[in-house]
Amino acid sequence: MKTSKIIAAATLSLLAAVGAQAETYDGVLTVNSVASRADVDAQARATARAGDVFSEASFAGVTPALTASADRATVRSQAVQTARQGNIYGEVASAGVLSVGGSQIDRAAVRADARNATRTNAL
């Protein structure tokens, strides 16, 4: 008799555990909207124009387009002048911009050396 009570208790506890794990499946939810596409589009545009309603910063929202205080020619001339100064952050005298055309080596000789180097290092 004691064995039958143990088996009955085990069976009931097993059924209770299985029943506790069961879930119901309601299927895929369907959306039944009463608003038309035009209404939703208008609401979306109004919300986009309103900006970030959850922001507390004073700069929240769309940033204004930047306008230049100098014209294009002035900026270009300043850039050329700065480039001609060389490396203004260099710590040695030779840290400037390298001059073009200061080499005494013939261009054909440089090409020949490059070709020989690629032929000897070819895989």
N, C-alpha and C. Protein backbone atom coordinates (compact mmCIF):
# COMPACT_ATOMS: atom_id res chain seq x y z
N MET A 1 0.79 -1.16 0.00
CA MET A 1 0.00 0.00 0.00
C MET A 1 0.86 1.26 0.00
N LYS A 2 1.94 1.20 0.64
CA LYS A 2 2.82 2.34 0.68
C LYS A 2 3.38 2.63 -0.70
N THR A 3 3.69 1.63 -1.48
CA THR A 3 4.22 1.80 -2.82
C THR A 3 3.19 2.43 -3.73
N SER A 4 1.96 2.06 -3.63
CA SER A 4 0.93 2.63 -4.49
C SER A 4 0.71 4.11 -4.18
N LYS A 5 0.85 4.51 -2.91
CA LYS A 5 0.71 5.92 -2.56
C LYS A 5 1.87 6.74 -3.11
N ILE A 6 3.05 6.16 -3.09
CA ILE A 6 4.23 6.85 -3.63
C ILE A 6 4.08 7.03 -5.15
N ILE A 7 3.62 5.98 -5.81
CA ILE A 7 3.42 6.06 -7.27
C ILE A 7 2.33 7.07 -7.60
N ALA A 8 1.27 7.09 -6.84
CA ALA A 8 0.19 8.04 -7.07
C ALA A 8 0.65 9.47 -6.84
N ALA A 9 1.44 9.70 -5.81
CA ALA A 9 1.95 11.03 -5.52
C ALA A 9 2.91 11.49 -6.61
N ALA A 10 3.75 10.56 -7.09
CA ALA A 10 4.69 10.89 -8.16
C ALA A 10 3.94 11.22 -9.44
N THR A 11 2.88 10.48 -9.74
CA THR A 11 2.09 10.72 -10.94
C THR A 11 1.39 12.08 -10.86
N LEU A 12 0.82 12.39 -9.72
CA LEU A 12 0.15 13.67 -9.56
C LEU A 12 1.14 14.85 -9.65
N SER A 13 2.30 14.69 -9.05
CA SER A 13 3.29 15.76 -9.12
C SER A 13 3.81 15.94 -10.54
N LEU A 14 3.94 14.84 -11.30
CA LEU A 14 4.36 14.92 -12.69
C LEU A 14 3.31 15.63 -13.54
N LEU A 15 2.06 15.30 -13.31
CA LEU A 15 0.98 15.96 -14.05
C LEU A 15 0.90 17.44 -13.70
N ALA A 16 1.11 17.78 -12.45
CA ALA A 16 1.08 19.18 -12.03
C ALA A 16 2.23 19.96 -12.68
N ALA A 17 3.39 19.33 -12.76
CA ALA A 17 4.54 19.99 -13.37
C ALA A 17 4.31 20.21 -14.87
N VAL A 18 3.73 19.23 -15.55
CA VAL A 18 3.45 19.36 -16.98
C VAL A 18 2.38 20.41 -17.20
N GLY A 19 1.38 20.44 -16.35
CA GLY A 19 0.31 21.43 -16.48
C GLY A 19 0.79 22.84 -16.22
N ALA A 20 1.78 23.01 -15.38
CA ALA A 20 2.29 24.34 -15.07
C ALA A 20 3.09 24.90 -16.24
N GLN A 21 3.64 24.05 -17.08
CA GLN A 21 4.45 24.48 -18.20
C GLN A 21 3.64 24.80 -19.45
N ALA A 22 2.39 24.48 -19.46
CA ALA A 22 1.58 24.64 -20.67
C ALA A 22 1.30 26.12 -20.92
N GLU A 23 1.32 26.50 -22.20
CA GLU A 23 0.99 27.85 -22.61
C GLU A 23 -0.03 27.78 -23.72
N THR A 24 -0.75 28.83 -23.87
CA THR A 24 -1.71 28.86 -24.97
C THR A 24 -1.12 29.66 -26.11
N TYR A 25 -1.44 29.29 -27.32
CA TYR A 25 -0.97 29.97 -28.52
C TYR A 25 -2.16 30.64 -29.18
N ASP A 26 -2.10 31.94 -29.27
CA ASP A 26 -3.21 32.69 -29.84
C ASP A 26 -3.04 32.94 -31.33
N GLY A 27 -1.94 32.51 -31.90
CA GLY A 27 -1.71 32.72 -33.33
C GLY A 27 -1.07 34.08 -33.60
N VAL A 28 -0.95 34.41 -34.85
CA VAL A 28 -0.35 35.67 -35.25
C VAL A 28 -1.37 36.78 -35.04
N LEU A 29 -0.93 37.87 -34.45
CA LEU A 29 -1.83 38.98 -34.20
C LEU A 29 -2.09 39.73 -35.50
N THR A 30 -3.28 40.11 -35.72
CA THR A 30 -3.62 40.92 -36.89
C THR A 30 -3.93 42.33 -36.43
N VAL A 31 -3.54 43.28 -37.24
CA VAL A 31 -3.78 44.67 -36.92
C VAL A 31 -5.00 45.13 -37.70
N ASN A 32 -5.96 45.62 -37.01
CA ASN A 32 -7.16 46.16 -37.64
C ASN A 32 -7.16 47.66 -37.42
N SER A 33 -6.55 48.38 -38.35
CA SER A 33 -6.44 49.82 -38.22
C SER A 33 -7.67 50.50 -38.79
N VAL A 34 -8.11 51.54 -38.13
CA VAL A 34 -9.26 52.30 -38.61
C VAL A 34 -8.81 53.56 -39.34
N ALA A 35 -7.50 53.86 -39.30
CA ALA A 35 -6.98 55.05 -39.97
C ALA A 35 -6.56 54.71 -41.39
N SER A 36 -6.77 55.64 -42.30
CA SER A 36 -6.35 55.41 -43.69
C SER A 36 -4.86 55.71 -43.83
N ARG A 37 -4.30 55.35 -44.96
CA ARG A 37 -2.89 55.61 -45.20
C ARG A 37 -2.59 57.10 -45.19
N ALA A 38 -3.48 57.89 -45.72
CA ALA A 38 -3.28 59.34 -45.75
C ALA A 38 -3.25 59.92 -44.34
N ASP A 39 -4.12 59.41 -43.47
CA ASP A 39 -4.13 59.88 -42.08
C ASP A 39 -2.84 59.51 -41.36
N VAL A 40 -2.38 58.29 -41.57
CA VAL A 40 -1.13 57.84 -40.94
C VAL A 40 0.04 58.66 -41.47
N ASP A 41 0.06 58.93 -42.77
CA ASP A 41 1.12 59.73 -43.37
C ASP A 41 1.13 61.14 -42.79
N ALA A 42 -0.03 61.74 -42.64
CA ALA A 42 -0.11 63.09 -42.07
C ALA A 42 0.36 63.10 -40.62
N GLN A 43 0.00 62.09 -39.85
CA GLN A 43 0.45 62.01 -38.46
C GLN A 43 1.96 61.82 -38.38
N ALA A 44 2.51 61.02 -39.28
CA ALA A 44 3.96 60.80 -39.28
C ALA A 44 4.71 62.08 -39.61
N ARG A 45 4.22 62.83 -40.59
CA ARG A 45 4.88 64.10 -40.94
C ARG A 45 4.79 65.11 -39.79
N ALA A 46 3.65 65.18 -39.12
CA ALA A 46 3.50 66.10 -38.00
C ALA A 46 4.43 65.72 -36.85
N THR A 47 4.57 64.43 -36.60
CA THR A 47 5.46 63.96 -35.54
C THR A 47 6.91 64.26 -35.88
N ALA A 48 7.28 64.08 -37.15
CA ALA A 48 8.66 64.35 -37.56
C ALA A 48 8.98 65.84 -37.43
N ARG A 49 8.03 66.71 -37.72
CA ARG A 49 8.25 68.15 -37.61
C ARG A 49 8.33 68.59 -36.15
N ALA A 50 7.69 67.85 -35.26
CA ALA A 50 7.66 68.24 -33.84
C ALA A 50 9.01 68.10 -33.17
N GLY A 51 9.91 67.31 -33.74
CA GLY A 51 11.23 67.12 -33.13
C GLY A 51 11.20 66.05 -32.06
N ASP A 52 12.24 66.03 -31.25
CA ASP A 52 12.37 65.03 -30.19
C ASP A 52 11.62 65.51 -28.96
N VAL A 53 10.46 64.94 -28.71
CA VAL A 53 9.65 65.39 -27.58
C VAL A 53 10.19 64.89 -26.24
N PHE A 54 11.10 63.93 -26.25
CA PHE A 54 11.64 63.38 -25.01
C PHE A 54 12.98 64.00 -24.64
N SER A 55 13.45 64.93 -25.43
CA SER A 55 14.76 65.51 -25.17
C SER A 55 14.64 66.70 -24.24
N GLU A 56 15.63 66.87 -23.39
CA GLU A 56 15.66 68.01 -22.48
C GLU A 56 16.75 68.99 -22.86
N ALA A 57 17.54 68.66 -23.87
CA ALA A 57 18.65 69.51 -24.26
C ALA A 57 18.15 70.69 -25.10
N SER A 58 18.83 71.80 -25.00
CA SER A 58 18.41 72.98 -25.74
C SER A 58 18.73 72.85 -27.22
N PHE A 59 19.66 71.98 -27.57
CA PHE A 59 20.06 71.83 -28.96
C PHE A 59 19.35 70.67 -29.65
N ALA A 60 18.33 70.12 -29.05
CA ALA A 60 17.62 68.99 -29.64
C ALA A 60 16.85 69.46 -30.86
N GLY A 61 16.72 68.59 -31.81
CA GLY A 61 16.00 68.93 -33.03
C GLY A 61 16.93 68.98 -34.22
N VAL A 62 16.47 69.56 -35.28
CA VAL A 62 17.26 69.64 -36.51
C VAL A 62 18.23 70.79 -36.40
N THR A 63 19.49 70.54 -36.73
CA THR A 63 20.48 71.60 -36.69
C THR A 63 20.34 72.48 -37.92
N PRO A 64 20.53 73.77 -37.79
CA PRO A 64 20.40 74.65 -38.95
C PRO A 64 21.57 74.45 -39.92
N ALA A 65 21.33 74.78 -41.17
CA ALA A 65 22.39 74.67 -42.17
C ALA A 65 23.46 75.72 -41.88
N LEU A 66 24.72 75.33 -41.98
CA LEU A 66 25.81 76.24 -41.70
C LEU A 66 26.06 77.14 -42.90
N THR A 67 26.32 78.39 -42.63
CA THR A 67 26.66 79.31 -43.70
C THR A 67 28.09 79.75 -43.50
N ALA A 68 28.84 79.81 -44.58
CA ALA A 68 30.24 80.17 -44.51
C ALA A 68 30.39 81.67 -44.36
N SER A 69 31.35 82.10 -43.55
CA SER A 69 31.59 83.52 -43.36
C SER A 69 32.61 84.05 -44.37
N ALA A 70 33.33 83.15 -45.04
CA ALA A 70 34.32 83.55 -46.05
C ALA A 70 33.96 82.92 -47.38
N ASP A 71 34.34 83.59 -48.45
CA ASP A 71 34.05 83.03 -49.76
C ASP A 71 35.08 81.97 -50.13
N ARG A 72 34.82 81.26 -51.19
CA ARG A 72 35.63 80.13 -51.60
C ARG A 72 37.06 80.54 -51.95
N ALA A 73 37.25 81.66 -52.61
CA ALA A 73 38.59 82.10 -53.02
C ALA A 73 39.46 82.42 -51.81
N THR A 74 38.87 83.03 -50.79
CA THR A 74 39.63 83.36 -49.58
C THR A 74 40.08 82.09 -48.86
N VAL A 75 39.20 81.14 -48.75
CA VAL A 75 39.55 79.88 -48.08
C VAL A 75 40.64 79.15 -48.86
N ARG A 76 40.54 79.16 -50.18
CA ARG A 76 41.54 78.48 -51.02
C ARG A 76 42.90 79.15 -50.88
N SER A 77 42.94 80.48 -50.89
CA SER A 77 44.23 81.16 -50.76
C SER A 77 44.85 80.91 -49.39
N GLN A 78 44.03 80.86 -48.34
CA GLN A 78 44.56 80.54 -47.01
C GLN A 78 45.10 79.12 -46.96
N ALA A 79 44.43 78.18 -47.63
CA ALA A 79 44.90 76.79 -47.64
C ALA A 79 46.23 76.68 -48.38
N VAL A 80 46.37 77.37 -49.48
CA VAL A 80 47.63 77.33 -50.24
C VAL A 80 48.74 77.95 -49.41
N GLN A 81 48.47 79.06 -48.76
CA GLN A 81 49.48 79.70 -47.92
C GLN A 81 49.92 78.79 -46.78
N THR A 82 48.99 78.11 -46.15
CA THR A 82 49.32 77.20 -45.06
C THR A 82 50.12 76.00 -45.56
N ALA A 83 49.78 75.49 -46.74
CA ALA A 83 50.50 74.35 -47.30
C ALA A 83 51.94 74.72 -47.64
N ARG A 84 52.17 75.95 -48.04
CA ARG A 84 53.52 76.38 -48.39
C ARG A 84 54.41 76.56 -47.18
N GLN A 85 53.82 76.70 -46.00
CA GLN A 85 54.61 76.87 -44.78
C GLN A 85 55.30 75.59 -44.35
N GLY A 86 54.86 74.45 -44.88
CA GLY A 86 55.46 73.19 -44.48
C GLY A 86 54.75 72.62 -43.26
N ASN A 87 55.42 71.72 -42.60
CA ASN A 87 54.85 71.08 -41.41
C ASN A 87 55.06 72.01 -40.22
N ILE A 88 54.02 72.73 -39.83
CA ILE A 88 54.17 73.69 -38.74
C ILE A 88 54.27 73.00 -37.39
N TYR A 89 53.97 71.70 -37.34
CA TYR A 89 54.05 70.95 -36.08
C TYR A 89 55.34 70.14 -35.97
N GLY A 90 56.22 70.23 -36.94
CA GLY A 90 57.47 69.47 -36.93
C GLY A 90 58.43 70.01 -35.88
N GLU A 91 59.24 69.13 -35.30
CA GLU A 91 60.16 69.53 -34.25
C GLU A 91 61.58 69.67 -34.76
N VAL A 92 61.83 69.25 -35.98
CA VAL A 92 63.17 69.36 -36.54
C VAL A 92 63.11 70.22 -37.79
N ALA A 93 64.24 70.72 -38.22
CA ALA A 93 64.26 71.63 -39.36
C ALA A 93 63.86 70.95 -40.66
N SER A 94 64.09 69.67 -40.77
CA SER A 94 63.78 68.96 -42.01
C SER A 94 62.38 68.38 -42.02
N ALA A 95 61.52 68.80 -41.13
CA ALA A 95 60.18 68.25 -41.04
C ALA A 95 59.20 68.91 -42.00
N GLY A 96 59.68 69.79 -42.85
CA GLY A 96 58.81 70.50 -43.78
C GLY A 96 58.37 69.62 -44.94
N VAL A 97 57.67 70.24 -45.87
CA VAL A 97 57.18 69.54 -47.05
C VAL A 97 58.35 69.30 -48.00
N LEU A 98 58.45 68.11 -48.54
CA LEU A 98 59.53 67.80 -49.46
C LEU A 98 59.31 68.52 -50.78
N SER A 99 60.38 69.04 -51.33
CA SER A 99 60.27 69.73 -52.61
C SER A 99 60.21 68.72 -53.74
N VAL A 100 59.48 69.08 -54.78
CA VAL A 100 59.33 68.20 -55.93
C VAL A 100 60.37 68.60 -56.97
N GLY A 101 61.02 67.63 -57.56
CA GLY A 101 61.98 67.90 -58.64
C GLY A 101 63.38 68.16 -58.16
N GLY A 102 63.71 67.86 -56.94
CA GLY A 102 65.05 68.10 -56.43
C GLY A 102 65.98 66.91 -56.62
N SER A 103 65.54 65.87 -57.32
CA SER A 103 66.34 64.67 -57.45
C SER A 103 67.26 64.76 -58.66
N GLN A 104 68.43 64.15 -58.56
CA GLN A 104 69.39 64.12 -59.66
C GLN A 104 69.34 62.79 -60.40
N ILE A 105 68.48 61.86 -59.97
CA ILE A 105 68.40 60.53 -60.58
C ILE A 105 67.47 60.59 -61.78
N ASP A 106 67.88 59.89 -62.85
CA ASP A 106 67.08 59.84 -64.07
C ASP A 106 65.83 58.99 -63.84
N ARG A 107 64.73 59.40 -64.45
CA ARG A 107 63.45 58.69 -64.28
C ARG A 107 63.51 57.28 -64.85
N ALA A 108 64.19 57.12 -65.96
CA ALA A 108 64.33 55.80 -66.59
C ALA A 108 65.11 54.85 -65.68
N ALA A 109 66.10 55.38 -64.98
CA ALA A 109 66.88 54.54 -64.08
C ALA A 109 66.02 54.07 -62.89
N VAL A 110 65.16 54.95 -62.39
CA VAL A 110 64.27 54.57 -61.29
C VAL A 110 63.30 53.49 -61.75
N ARG A 111 62.75 53.62 -62.97
CA ARG A 111 61.83 52.61 -63.49
C ARG A 111 62.55 51.27 -63.66
N ALA A 112 63.76 51.31 -64.16
CA ALA A 112 64.51 50.07 -64.36
C ALA A 112 64.78 49.39 -63.02
N ASP A 113 65.14 50.18 -62.00
CA ASP A 113 65.38 49.60 -60.68
C ASP A 113 64.09 48.99 -60.11
N ALA A 114 62.95 49.66 -60.32
CA ALA A 114 61.68 49.14 -59.83
C ALA A 114 61.32 47.84 -60.53
N ARG A 115 61.53 47.77 -61.84
CA ARG A 115 61.24 46.54 -62.57
C ARG A 115 62.13 45.39 -62.11
N ASN A 116 63.40 45.68 -61.91
CA ASN A 116 64.32 44.63 -61.43
C ASN A 116 63.92 44.16 -60.04
N ALA A 117 63.49 45.06 -59.19
CA ALA A 117 63.09 44.68 -57.84
C ALA A 117 61.84 43.81 -57.87
N THR A 118 60.89 44.11 -58.75
CA THR A 118 59.68 43.29 -58.82
C THR A 118 59.97 41.93 -59.42
N ARG A 119 60.91 41.85 -60.34
CA ARG A 119 61.25 40.55 -60.94
C ARG A 119 61.95 39.64 -59.95
N THR A 120 62.79 40.21 -59.14
CA THR A 120 63.53 39.38 -58.17
C THR A 120 62.66 39.00 -56.98
N ASN A 121 61.63 39.81 -56.66
CA ASN A 121 60.75 39.52 -55.54
C ASN A 121 59.45 38.87 -55.96
N ALA A 122 59.34 38.46 -57.23
CA ALA A 122 58.10 37.88 -57.72
C ALA A 122 57.87 36.53 -57.06
N LEU A 123 56.60 36.20 -56.89
CA LEU A 123 56.26 34.92 -56.23
C LEU A 123 56.36 33.79 -57.19
